[in-house]
Amino acid sequence: MPSSFSPPGNGSFAYHEAEKTSPRATTGVRAICSRRNFTAAVLASSYALKQAWSVESGFQFRYLLASCLYGYQDLSQIVPEVRKTGATAIDIWPKVHGNQREQIDAMGESKFADLLQTHNVSLGCITQYQLGPFGLQDEMRFASRFGCSTIVTSAQGPVGLSGTELKSAIEKFVLQMRPHLEVAEECGVTIAIENHAKNLVESPDAIRWLADLSGESKLAIALAPYHLPQESAAMAKLILELGNRIAVFYAWQHGAGCMQKQPKEQELLQMPGRGSLDFAPLVASLQQIQFQGWTSIFMHPFPRGIPILDSVEEVTAEVNRARDYLQGLIG
């Protein structure tokens, strides 16, 4: 179903000109009469058809690159990687997961704006758990100056509730958010609440109540499969139910978790295409609702603040591997 949700990042970026899309180059394929090359050609053609179908149907992922995937690396090293991952925008994280929000304060807004413009990247999202949902007024105004229309944070309230108690607590939270949503409206910012462990909005029921009670306001969902039961069919159904209330979709699974030191190959099981979660039903649901929000290929390292892999190049390559997996599911 077409979404009425105003997609994040659609606002004009105050510091640089609109993005320009260059036409895709086309290449011919020489037929080679061998079984191996014929099979490869068929697979390549199938993938190309899937991509053509996604464009014609109006569905494409809108990728967002999380700065914290690179640990505390300098923004001057991260921003040039954004376009290399198929993303058009960056999600800025503060300490402890990253320190890029603090870097912006240190360099100044003008220099950050120049850096974005140089690499044709927009500020698509700011993640701000430390400020919480009731402390975002100044951050929303900062976001507005960059044409950034998404801030991700967590809910605030009692945990471990269910049934009518859970509904009442979420209703109270939504009411408490009203003055903050007025500022969000003025700034053109959507506040996306992530379903997070040990939080008021954690369970599928809590997510549904938040979506229902927030209506068409600037309060939306940042959907994190990592924090949900690892059942593809249930997640796919939830996506259909939420529809245009999803502002950010994290392409992120639980895998072997991220709360203790473990071999890197186990830690990377959080990434799409590595762990056991089948993303195909999720992608099918995202296509069905014609999802227009951000898709963030994501994981957490342990300890927080380090990059997910040793070098900038390795991080970018891993994001692209996961992106290839997701793209192969379209169609």
Protein backbone atom coordinates (compact mmCIF):
# COMPACT_ATOMS: atom_id res chain seq x y z
CA MET A 1 0.00 0.00 0.00
CA PRO A 2 1.34 3.45 -0.79
CA SER A 3 2.69 5.26 2.22
CA SER A 4 1.40 8.63 3.39
CA PHE A 5 4.34 9.00 5.76
CA SER A 6 6.60 11.89 4.83
CA PRO A 7 9.85 10.04 4.06
CA PRO A 8 12.84 11.09 6.14
CA GLY A 9 15.44 13.09 4.30
CA ASN A 10 13.04 14.53 1.75
CA GLY A 11 13.49 18.04 3.12
CA SER A 12 15.81 20.33 1.24
CA PHE A 13 19.35 20.28 2.60
CA ALA A 14 20.11 23.83 3.58
CA TYR A 15 23.82 23.67 2.95
CA HIS A 16 24.18 22.08 -0.47
CA GLU A 17 22.44 21.71 -3.78
CA ALA A 18 20.05 18.89 -4.58
CA GLU A 19 21.50 15.50 -5.37
CA LYS A 20 21.98 14.67 -9.02
CA THR A 21 21.33 11.19 -10.31
CA SER A 22 23.53 10.08 -13.15
CA PRO A 23 22.17 7.60 -15.70
CA ARG A 24 23.26 4.04 -15.22
CA ALA A 25 25.78 2.72 -17.65
CA THR A 26 24.82 -0.41 -19.57
CA THR A 27 27.16 -3.16 -20.59
CA GLY A 28 26.81 -5.91 -23.15
CA VAL A 29 27.38 -9.56 -22.37
CA ARG A 30 29.15 -11.80 -24.83
CA ALA A 31 27.56 -15.25 -25.00
CA ILE A 32 30.02 -18.06 -24.29
CA CYS A 33 28.96 -21.60 -25.03
CA SER A 34 29.88 -23.32 -21.81
CA ARG A 35 27.63 -24.59 -19.06
CA ARG A 36 29.47 -22.64 -16.34
CA ASN A 37 29.30 -19.30 -18.13
CA PHE A 38 25.73 -19.89 -19.25
CA THR A 39 24.67 -20.43 -15.63
CA ALA A 40 26.51 -17.30 -14.53
CA ALA A 41 24.83 -15.30 -17.29
CA VAL A 42 21.38 -16.57 -16.27
CA LEU A 43 22.00 -15.60 -12.65
CA ALA A 44 23.25 -12.16 -13.67
CA SER A 45 20.23 -11.62 -15.89
CA SER A 46 17.89 -12.69 -13.10
CA TYR A 47 19.50 -10.20 -10.72
CA ALA A 48 19.26 -7.43 -13.32
CA LEU A 49 15.58 -8.19 -13.88
CA LYS A 50 14.94 -7.99 -10.15
CA GLN A 51 16.57 -4.56 -10.04
CA ALA A 52 14.59 -3.37 -13.08
CA TRP A 53 11.38 -4.66 -11.49
CA SER A 54 12.11 -2.80 -8.25
CA VAL A 55 12.60 0.46 -10.12
CA GLU A 56 9.50 0.01 -12.26
CA SER A 57 7.38 -0.92 -9.22
CA GLY A 58 8.55 2.18 -7.40
CA PHE A 59 10.28 0.24 -4.61
CA GLN A 60 13.92 0.75 -3.76
CA PHE A 61 15.71 0.71 -0.45
CA ARG A 62 16.77 4.15 0.76
CA TYR A 63 20.01 3.28 2.49
CA LEU A 64 21.36 5.14 5.49
CA LEU A 65 24.92 4.59 6.76
CA ALA A 66 25.40 4.59 10.54
CA SER A 67 28.58 6.41 11.53
CA CYS A 68 29.08 4.14 14.56
CA LEU A 69 29.88 1.17 12.31
CA TYR A 70 33.28 2.83 11.96
CA GLY A 71 33.79 3.31 15.71
CA TYR A 72 35.46 6.62 16.58
CA GLN A 73 36.91 7.12 13.10
CA ASP A 74 37.08 10.72 11.86
CA LEU A 75 34.14 12.03 9.86
CA SER A 76 36.61 13.00 7.15
CA GLN A 77 37.18 9.26 6.66
CA ILE A 78 33.57 8.11 7.06
CA VAL A 79 31.64 10.59 4.91
CA PRO A 80 33.48 9.58 1.68
CA GLU A 81 32.34 5.99 2.31
CA VAL A 82 28.62 6.78 2.35
CA ARG A 83 28.07 6.74 -1.41
CA LYS A 84 30.32 3.68 -1.74
CA THR A 85 27.77 1.70 0.30
CA GLY A 86 24.83 2.69 -1.90
CA ALA A 87 23.59 5.12 0.76
CA THR A 88 22.81 8.78 0.15
CA ALA A 89 22.77 9.90 3.78
CA ILE A 90 24.59 9.41 7.05
CA ASP A 91 23.22 8.63 10.51
CA ILE A 92 25.32 10.48 13.09
CA TRP A 93 25.95 8.77 16.45
CA PRO A 94 27.35 10.25 19.68
CA LYS A 95 29.40 8.49 22.34
CA VAL A 96 29.68 5.75 23.38
CA HIS A 97 28.79 3.92 20.17
CA GLY A 98 30.51 6.54 18.01
CA ASN A 99 31.76 10.06 18.59
CA GLN A 100 30.77 11.73 15.33
CA ARG A 101 28.15 13.99 16.92
CA GLU A 102 30.85 15.36 19.22
CA GLN A 103 33.14 15.75 16.20
CA ILE A 104 30.57 18.04 14.56
CA ASP A 105 30.50 20.27 17.63
CA ALA A 106 34.31 20.41 17.58
CA MET A 107 34.65 21.26 13.88
CA GLY A 108 31.61 23.52 13.64
CA GLU A 109 28.48 23.22 11.53
CA SER A 110 29.92 25.08 8.56
CA LYS A 111 32.86 22.70 8.14
CA PHE A 112 30.58 19.70 8.54
CA ALA A 113 28.26 21.13 5.90
CA ASP A 114 31.22 21.58 3.55
CA LEU A 115 32.27 17.97 4.13
CA LEU A 116 28.79 16.71 3.27
CA GLN A 117 28.60 18.88 0.17
CA THR A 118 32.01 17.77 -1.07
CA HIS A 119 30.89 14.13 -1.07
CA ASN A 120 27.26 14.71 -2.10
CA VAL A 121 25.93 13.27 1.16
CA SER A 122 23.04 14.49 3.31
CA LEU A 123 22.48 14.25 7.03
CA GLY A 124 19.62 11.78 7.08
CA CYS A 125 19.36 10.90 10.74
CA ILE A 126 20.76 11.61 14.19
CA THR A 127 20.67 8.89 16.82
CA GLN A 128 20.33 10.29 20.33
CA TYR A 129 19.63 7.80 23.09
CA GLN A 130 21.54 9.79 25.69
CA LEU A 131 19.25 12.82 25.32
CA GLY A 132 16.12 10.70 25.50
CA PRO A 133 12.72 11.55 24.01
CA PHE A 134 12.18 14.57 26.28
CA GLY A 135 15.54 16.24 25.66
CA LEU A 136 15.60 16.66 21.89
CA GLN A 137 14.44 20.26 21.37
CA ASP A 138 17.88 21.74 20.60
CA GLU A 139 18.86 18.66 18.62
CA MET A 140 15.75 18.97 16.47
CA ARG A 141 16.66 22.56 15.68
CA PHE A 142 20.18 21.45 14.80
CA ALA A 143 18.73 18.76 12.53
CA SER A 144 16.45 21.28 10.88
CA ARG A 145 19.40 23.46 9.88
CA PHE A 146 20.73 20.53 7.86
CA GLY A 147 17.42 19.42 6.38
CA CYS A 148 17.64 16.27 8.51
CA SER A 149 14.16 14.99 9.26
CA THR A 150 14.79 11.92 11.45
CA ILE A 151 16.00 11.54 15.03
CA VAL A 152 16.08 8.07 16.60
CA THR A 153 15.78 7.61 20.34
CA SER A 154 14.12 5.29 22.86
CA ALA A 155 10.88 5.57 24.77
CA GLN A 156 10.72 6.39 28.47
CA GLY A 157 8.53 4.70 31.05
CA PRO A 158 8.10 1.50 33.07
CA VAL A 159 9.32 -1.81 31.69
CA GLY A 160 8.02 -5.36 31.81
CA LEU A 161 4.37 -4.41 31.35
CA SER A 162 1.73 -6.21 29.29
CA GLY A 163 -1.95 -5.96 28.46
CA THR A 164 -3.91 -2.92 29.60
CA GLU A 165 -1.05 -1.72 31.82
CA LEU A 166 1.23 -1.58 28.79
CA LYS A 167 -1.35 0.27 26.72
CA SER A 168 -1.92 2.81 29.49
CA ALA A 169 1.80 3.43 29.94
CA ILE A 170 2.31 3.99 26.21
CA GLU A 171 -0.71 6.28 26.09
CA LYS A 172 0.85 8.32 28.92
CA PHE A 173 4.18 8.44 27.04
CA VAL A 174 2.47 9.71 23.87
CA LEU A 175 0.71 12.42 25.88
CA GLN A 176 4.02 13.45 27.47
CA MET A 177 5.50 13.73 23.99
CA ARG A 178 2.95 16.28 22.76
CA PRO A 179 4.96 19.46 23.47
CA HIS A 180 8.05 17.85 21.98
CA LEU A 181 6.11 16.81 18.89
CA GLU A 182 5.03 20.43 18.44
CA VAL A 183 8.72 21.35 18.15
CA ALA A 184 9.22 18.37 15.84
CA GLU A 185 6.44 19.68 13.61
CA GLU A 186 8.03 23.13 13.50
CA CYS A 187 11.42 21.63 12.63
CA GLY A 188 10.14 19.08 10.12
CA VAL A 189 11.62 16.26 12.20
CA THR A 190 10.18 12.82 12.87
CA ILE A 191 11.08 11.28 16.23
CA ALA A 192 11.51 7.55 15.62
CA ILE A 193 11.32 5.32 18.71
CA GLU A 194 13.39 2.15 18.53
CA ASN A 195 12.01 -1.03 20.04
CA HIS A 196 14.78 -1.67 22.53
CA ALA A 197 15.39 -4.32 25.19
CA LYS A 198 14.47 -3.37 28.76
CA ASN A 199 12.41 -0.45 27.52
CA LEU A 200 8.76 0.60 27.57
CA VAL A 201 8.59 -0.04 23.81
CA GLU A 202 10.16 -3.47 23.49
CA SER A 203 7.57 -6.11 22.57
CA PRO A 204 5.56 -6.37 19.34
CA ASP A 205 2.44 -5.37 21.30
CA ALA A 206 4.19 -2.24 22.59
CA ILE A 207 5.25 -1.33 19.07
CA ARG A 208 1.68 -1.76 17.81
CA TRP A 209 0.26 0.39 20.63
CA LEU A 210 2.78 3.14 19.95
CA ALA A 211 1.93 3.11 16.24
CA ASP A 212 -1.81 3.19 16.94
CA LEU A 213 -1.74 5.84 19.66
CA SER A 214 0.67 8.19 17.87
CA GLY A 215 -1.63 8.42 14.84
CA GLU A 216 -0.21 10.50 12.02
CA SER A 217 1.99 12.65 14.28
CA LYS A 218 5.73 13.14 14.04
CA LEU A 219 6.17 10.12 16.32
CA ALA A 220 7.10 6.93 14.46
CA ILE A 221 8.89 3.59 14.78
CA ALA A 222 12.53 2.65 14.26
CA LEU A 223 12.08 -1.09 13.80
CA ALA A 224 14.97 -3.25 15.04
CA PRO A 225 14.56 -6.98 14.30
CA TYR A 226 17.53 -7.66 16.61
CA HIS A 227 15.32 -6.96 19.64
CA LEU A 228 12.38 -9.10 18.46
CA PRO A 229 11.81 -12.87 18.54
CA GLN A 230 13.80 -14.17 15.55
CA GLU A 231 10.79 -15.36 13.58
CA SER A 232 10.66 -14.05 10.01
CA ALA A 233 6.94 -14.64 9.49
CA ALA A 234 5.99 -12.77 12.66
CA MET A 235 8.27 -9.86 11.78
CA ALA A 236 6.87 -9.71 8.26
CA LYS A 237 3.34 -9.57 9.64
CA LEU A 238 4.32 -6.80 12.06
CA ILE A 239 5.76 -4.74 9.19
CA LEU A 240 2.45 -5.02 7.32
CA GLU A 241 0.56 -3.93 10.42
CA LEU A 242 2.80 -0.92 11.05
CA GLY A 243 2.87 0.25 7.44
CA ASN A 244 3.78 3.90 7.09
CA ARG A 245 4.51 4.29 10.82
CA ILE A 246 7.99 2.83 10.26
CA ALA A 247 10.53 5.62 9.74
CA VAL A 248 13.69 3.50 10.00
CA PHE A 249 14.18 -0.20 9.32
CA TYR A 250 17.34 -1.73 10.76
CA ALA A 251 18.61 -4.58 8.60
CA TRP A 252 19.93 -6.23 11.75
CA GLN A 253 19.40 -9.63 13.30
CA HIS A 254 20.29 -11.08 16.69
CA GLY A 255 22.76 -13.69 15.52
CA ALA A 256 25.01 -14.53 18.48
CA GLY A 257 24.27 -11.23 20.19
CA CYS A 258 26.51 -8.26 20.95
CA MET A 259 26.78 -8.09 24.73
CA GLN A 260 30.04 -9.96 25.27
CA LYS A 261 33.41 -10.54 23.65
CA GLN A 262 33.30 -13.27 20.99
CA PRO A 263 35.10 -14.27 17.81
CA LYS A 264 34.51 -11.79 15.00
CA GLU A 265 32.83 -14.40 12.78
CA GLN A 266 30.19 -14.90 15.49
CA GLU A 267 29.75 -11.18 16.12
CA LEU A 268 29.16 -10.61 12.40
CA LEU A 269 26.16 -12.97 12.51
CA GLN A 270 24.14 -9.84 13.31
CA MET A 271 24.55 -8.74 9.70
CA PRO A 272 21.99 -9.59 6.97
CA GLY A 273 22.91 -12.74 5.08
CA ARG A 274 25.20 -14.11 7.78
CA GLY A 275 22.97 -15.19 10.68
CA SER A 276 20.01 -17.56 10.57
CA LEU A 277 17.26 -14.96 10.09
CA ASP A 278 15.67 -15.13 6.64
CA PHE A 279 15.14 -11.54 5.52
CA ALA A 280 13.10 -12.55 2.44
CA PRO A 281 9.66 -12.30 4.15
CA LEU A 282 10.67 -8.97 5.71
CA VAL A 283 11.74 -7.55 2.36
CA ALA A 284 8.51 -8.81 0.78
CA SER A 285 6.48 -6.95 3.42
CA LEU A 286 8.56 -3.79 2.97
CA GLN A 287 7.83 -3.98 -0.74
CA GLN A 288 4.14 -4.55 -0.12
CA ILE A 289 3.83 -1.40 2.00
CA GLN A 290 6.09 0.45 -0.47
CA PHE A 291 8.39 1.38 2.39
CA GLN A 292 9.82 4.87 1.92
CA GLY A 293 11.78 5.27 5.15
CA TRP A 294 15.45 4.67 5.78
CA THR A 295 17.07 1.23 5.71
CA SER A 296 20.16 0.97 7.89
CA ILE A 297 22.42 -2.07 7.55
CA PHE A 298 23.49 -2.45 11.14
CA MET A 299 25.20 -4.30 13.97
CA HIS A 300 26.88 -3.54 17.30
CA PRO A 301 30.47 -4.48 18.08
CA PHE A 302 31.75 -5.32 21.55
CA PRO A 303 32.94 -3.26 23.26
CA ARG A 304 30.98 -0.26 21.94
CA GLY A 305 33.02 2.47 20.27
CA ILE A 306 35.24 0.21 18.17
CA PRO A 307 34.64 -0.33 14.44
CA ILE A 308 32.89 -3.52 13.38
CA LEU A 309 36.03 -4.47 11.43
CA ASP A 310 39.61 -3.26 11.60
CA SER A 311 39.76 -0.84 8.69
CA VAL A 312 37.44 1.64 6.99
CA GLU A 313 37.70 -0.37 3.78
CA GLU A 314 36.71 -3.61 5.52
CA VAL A 315 33.68 -2.00 7.15
CA THR A 316 32.48 -0.62 3.82
CA ALA A 317 33.03 -4.00 2.13
CA GLU A 318 30.96 -5.77 4.81
CA VAL A 319 28.10 -3.28 4.44
CA ASN A 320 28.17 -3.85 0.69
CA ARG A 321 28.12 -7.64 1.15
CA ALA A 322 24.98 -7.28 3.27
CA ARG A 323 23.48 -4.84 0.78
CA ASP A 324 24.02 -7.34 -2.07
CA TYR A 325 22.12 -9.90 -0.01
CA LEU A 326 19.17 -7.55 0.55
CA GLN A 327 19.09 -6.40 -3.06
CA GLY A 328 18.96 -10.02 -4.17
CA LEU A 329 15.70 -10.45 -2.23
CA ILE A 330 13.83 -7.72 -4.09
CA GLY A 331 11.27 -8.93 -6.59
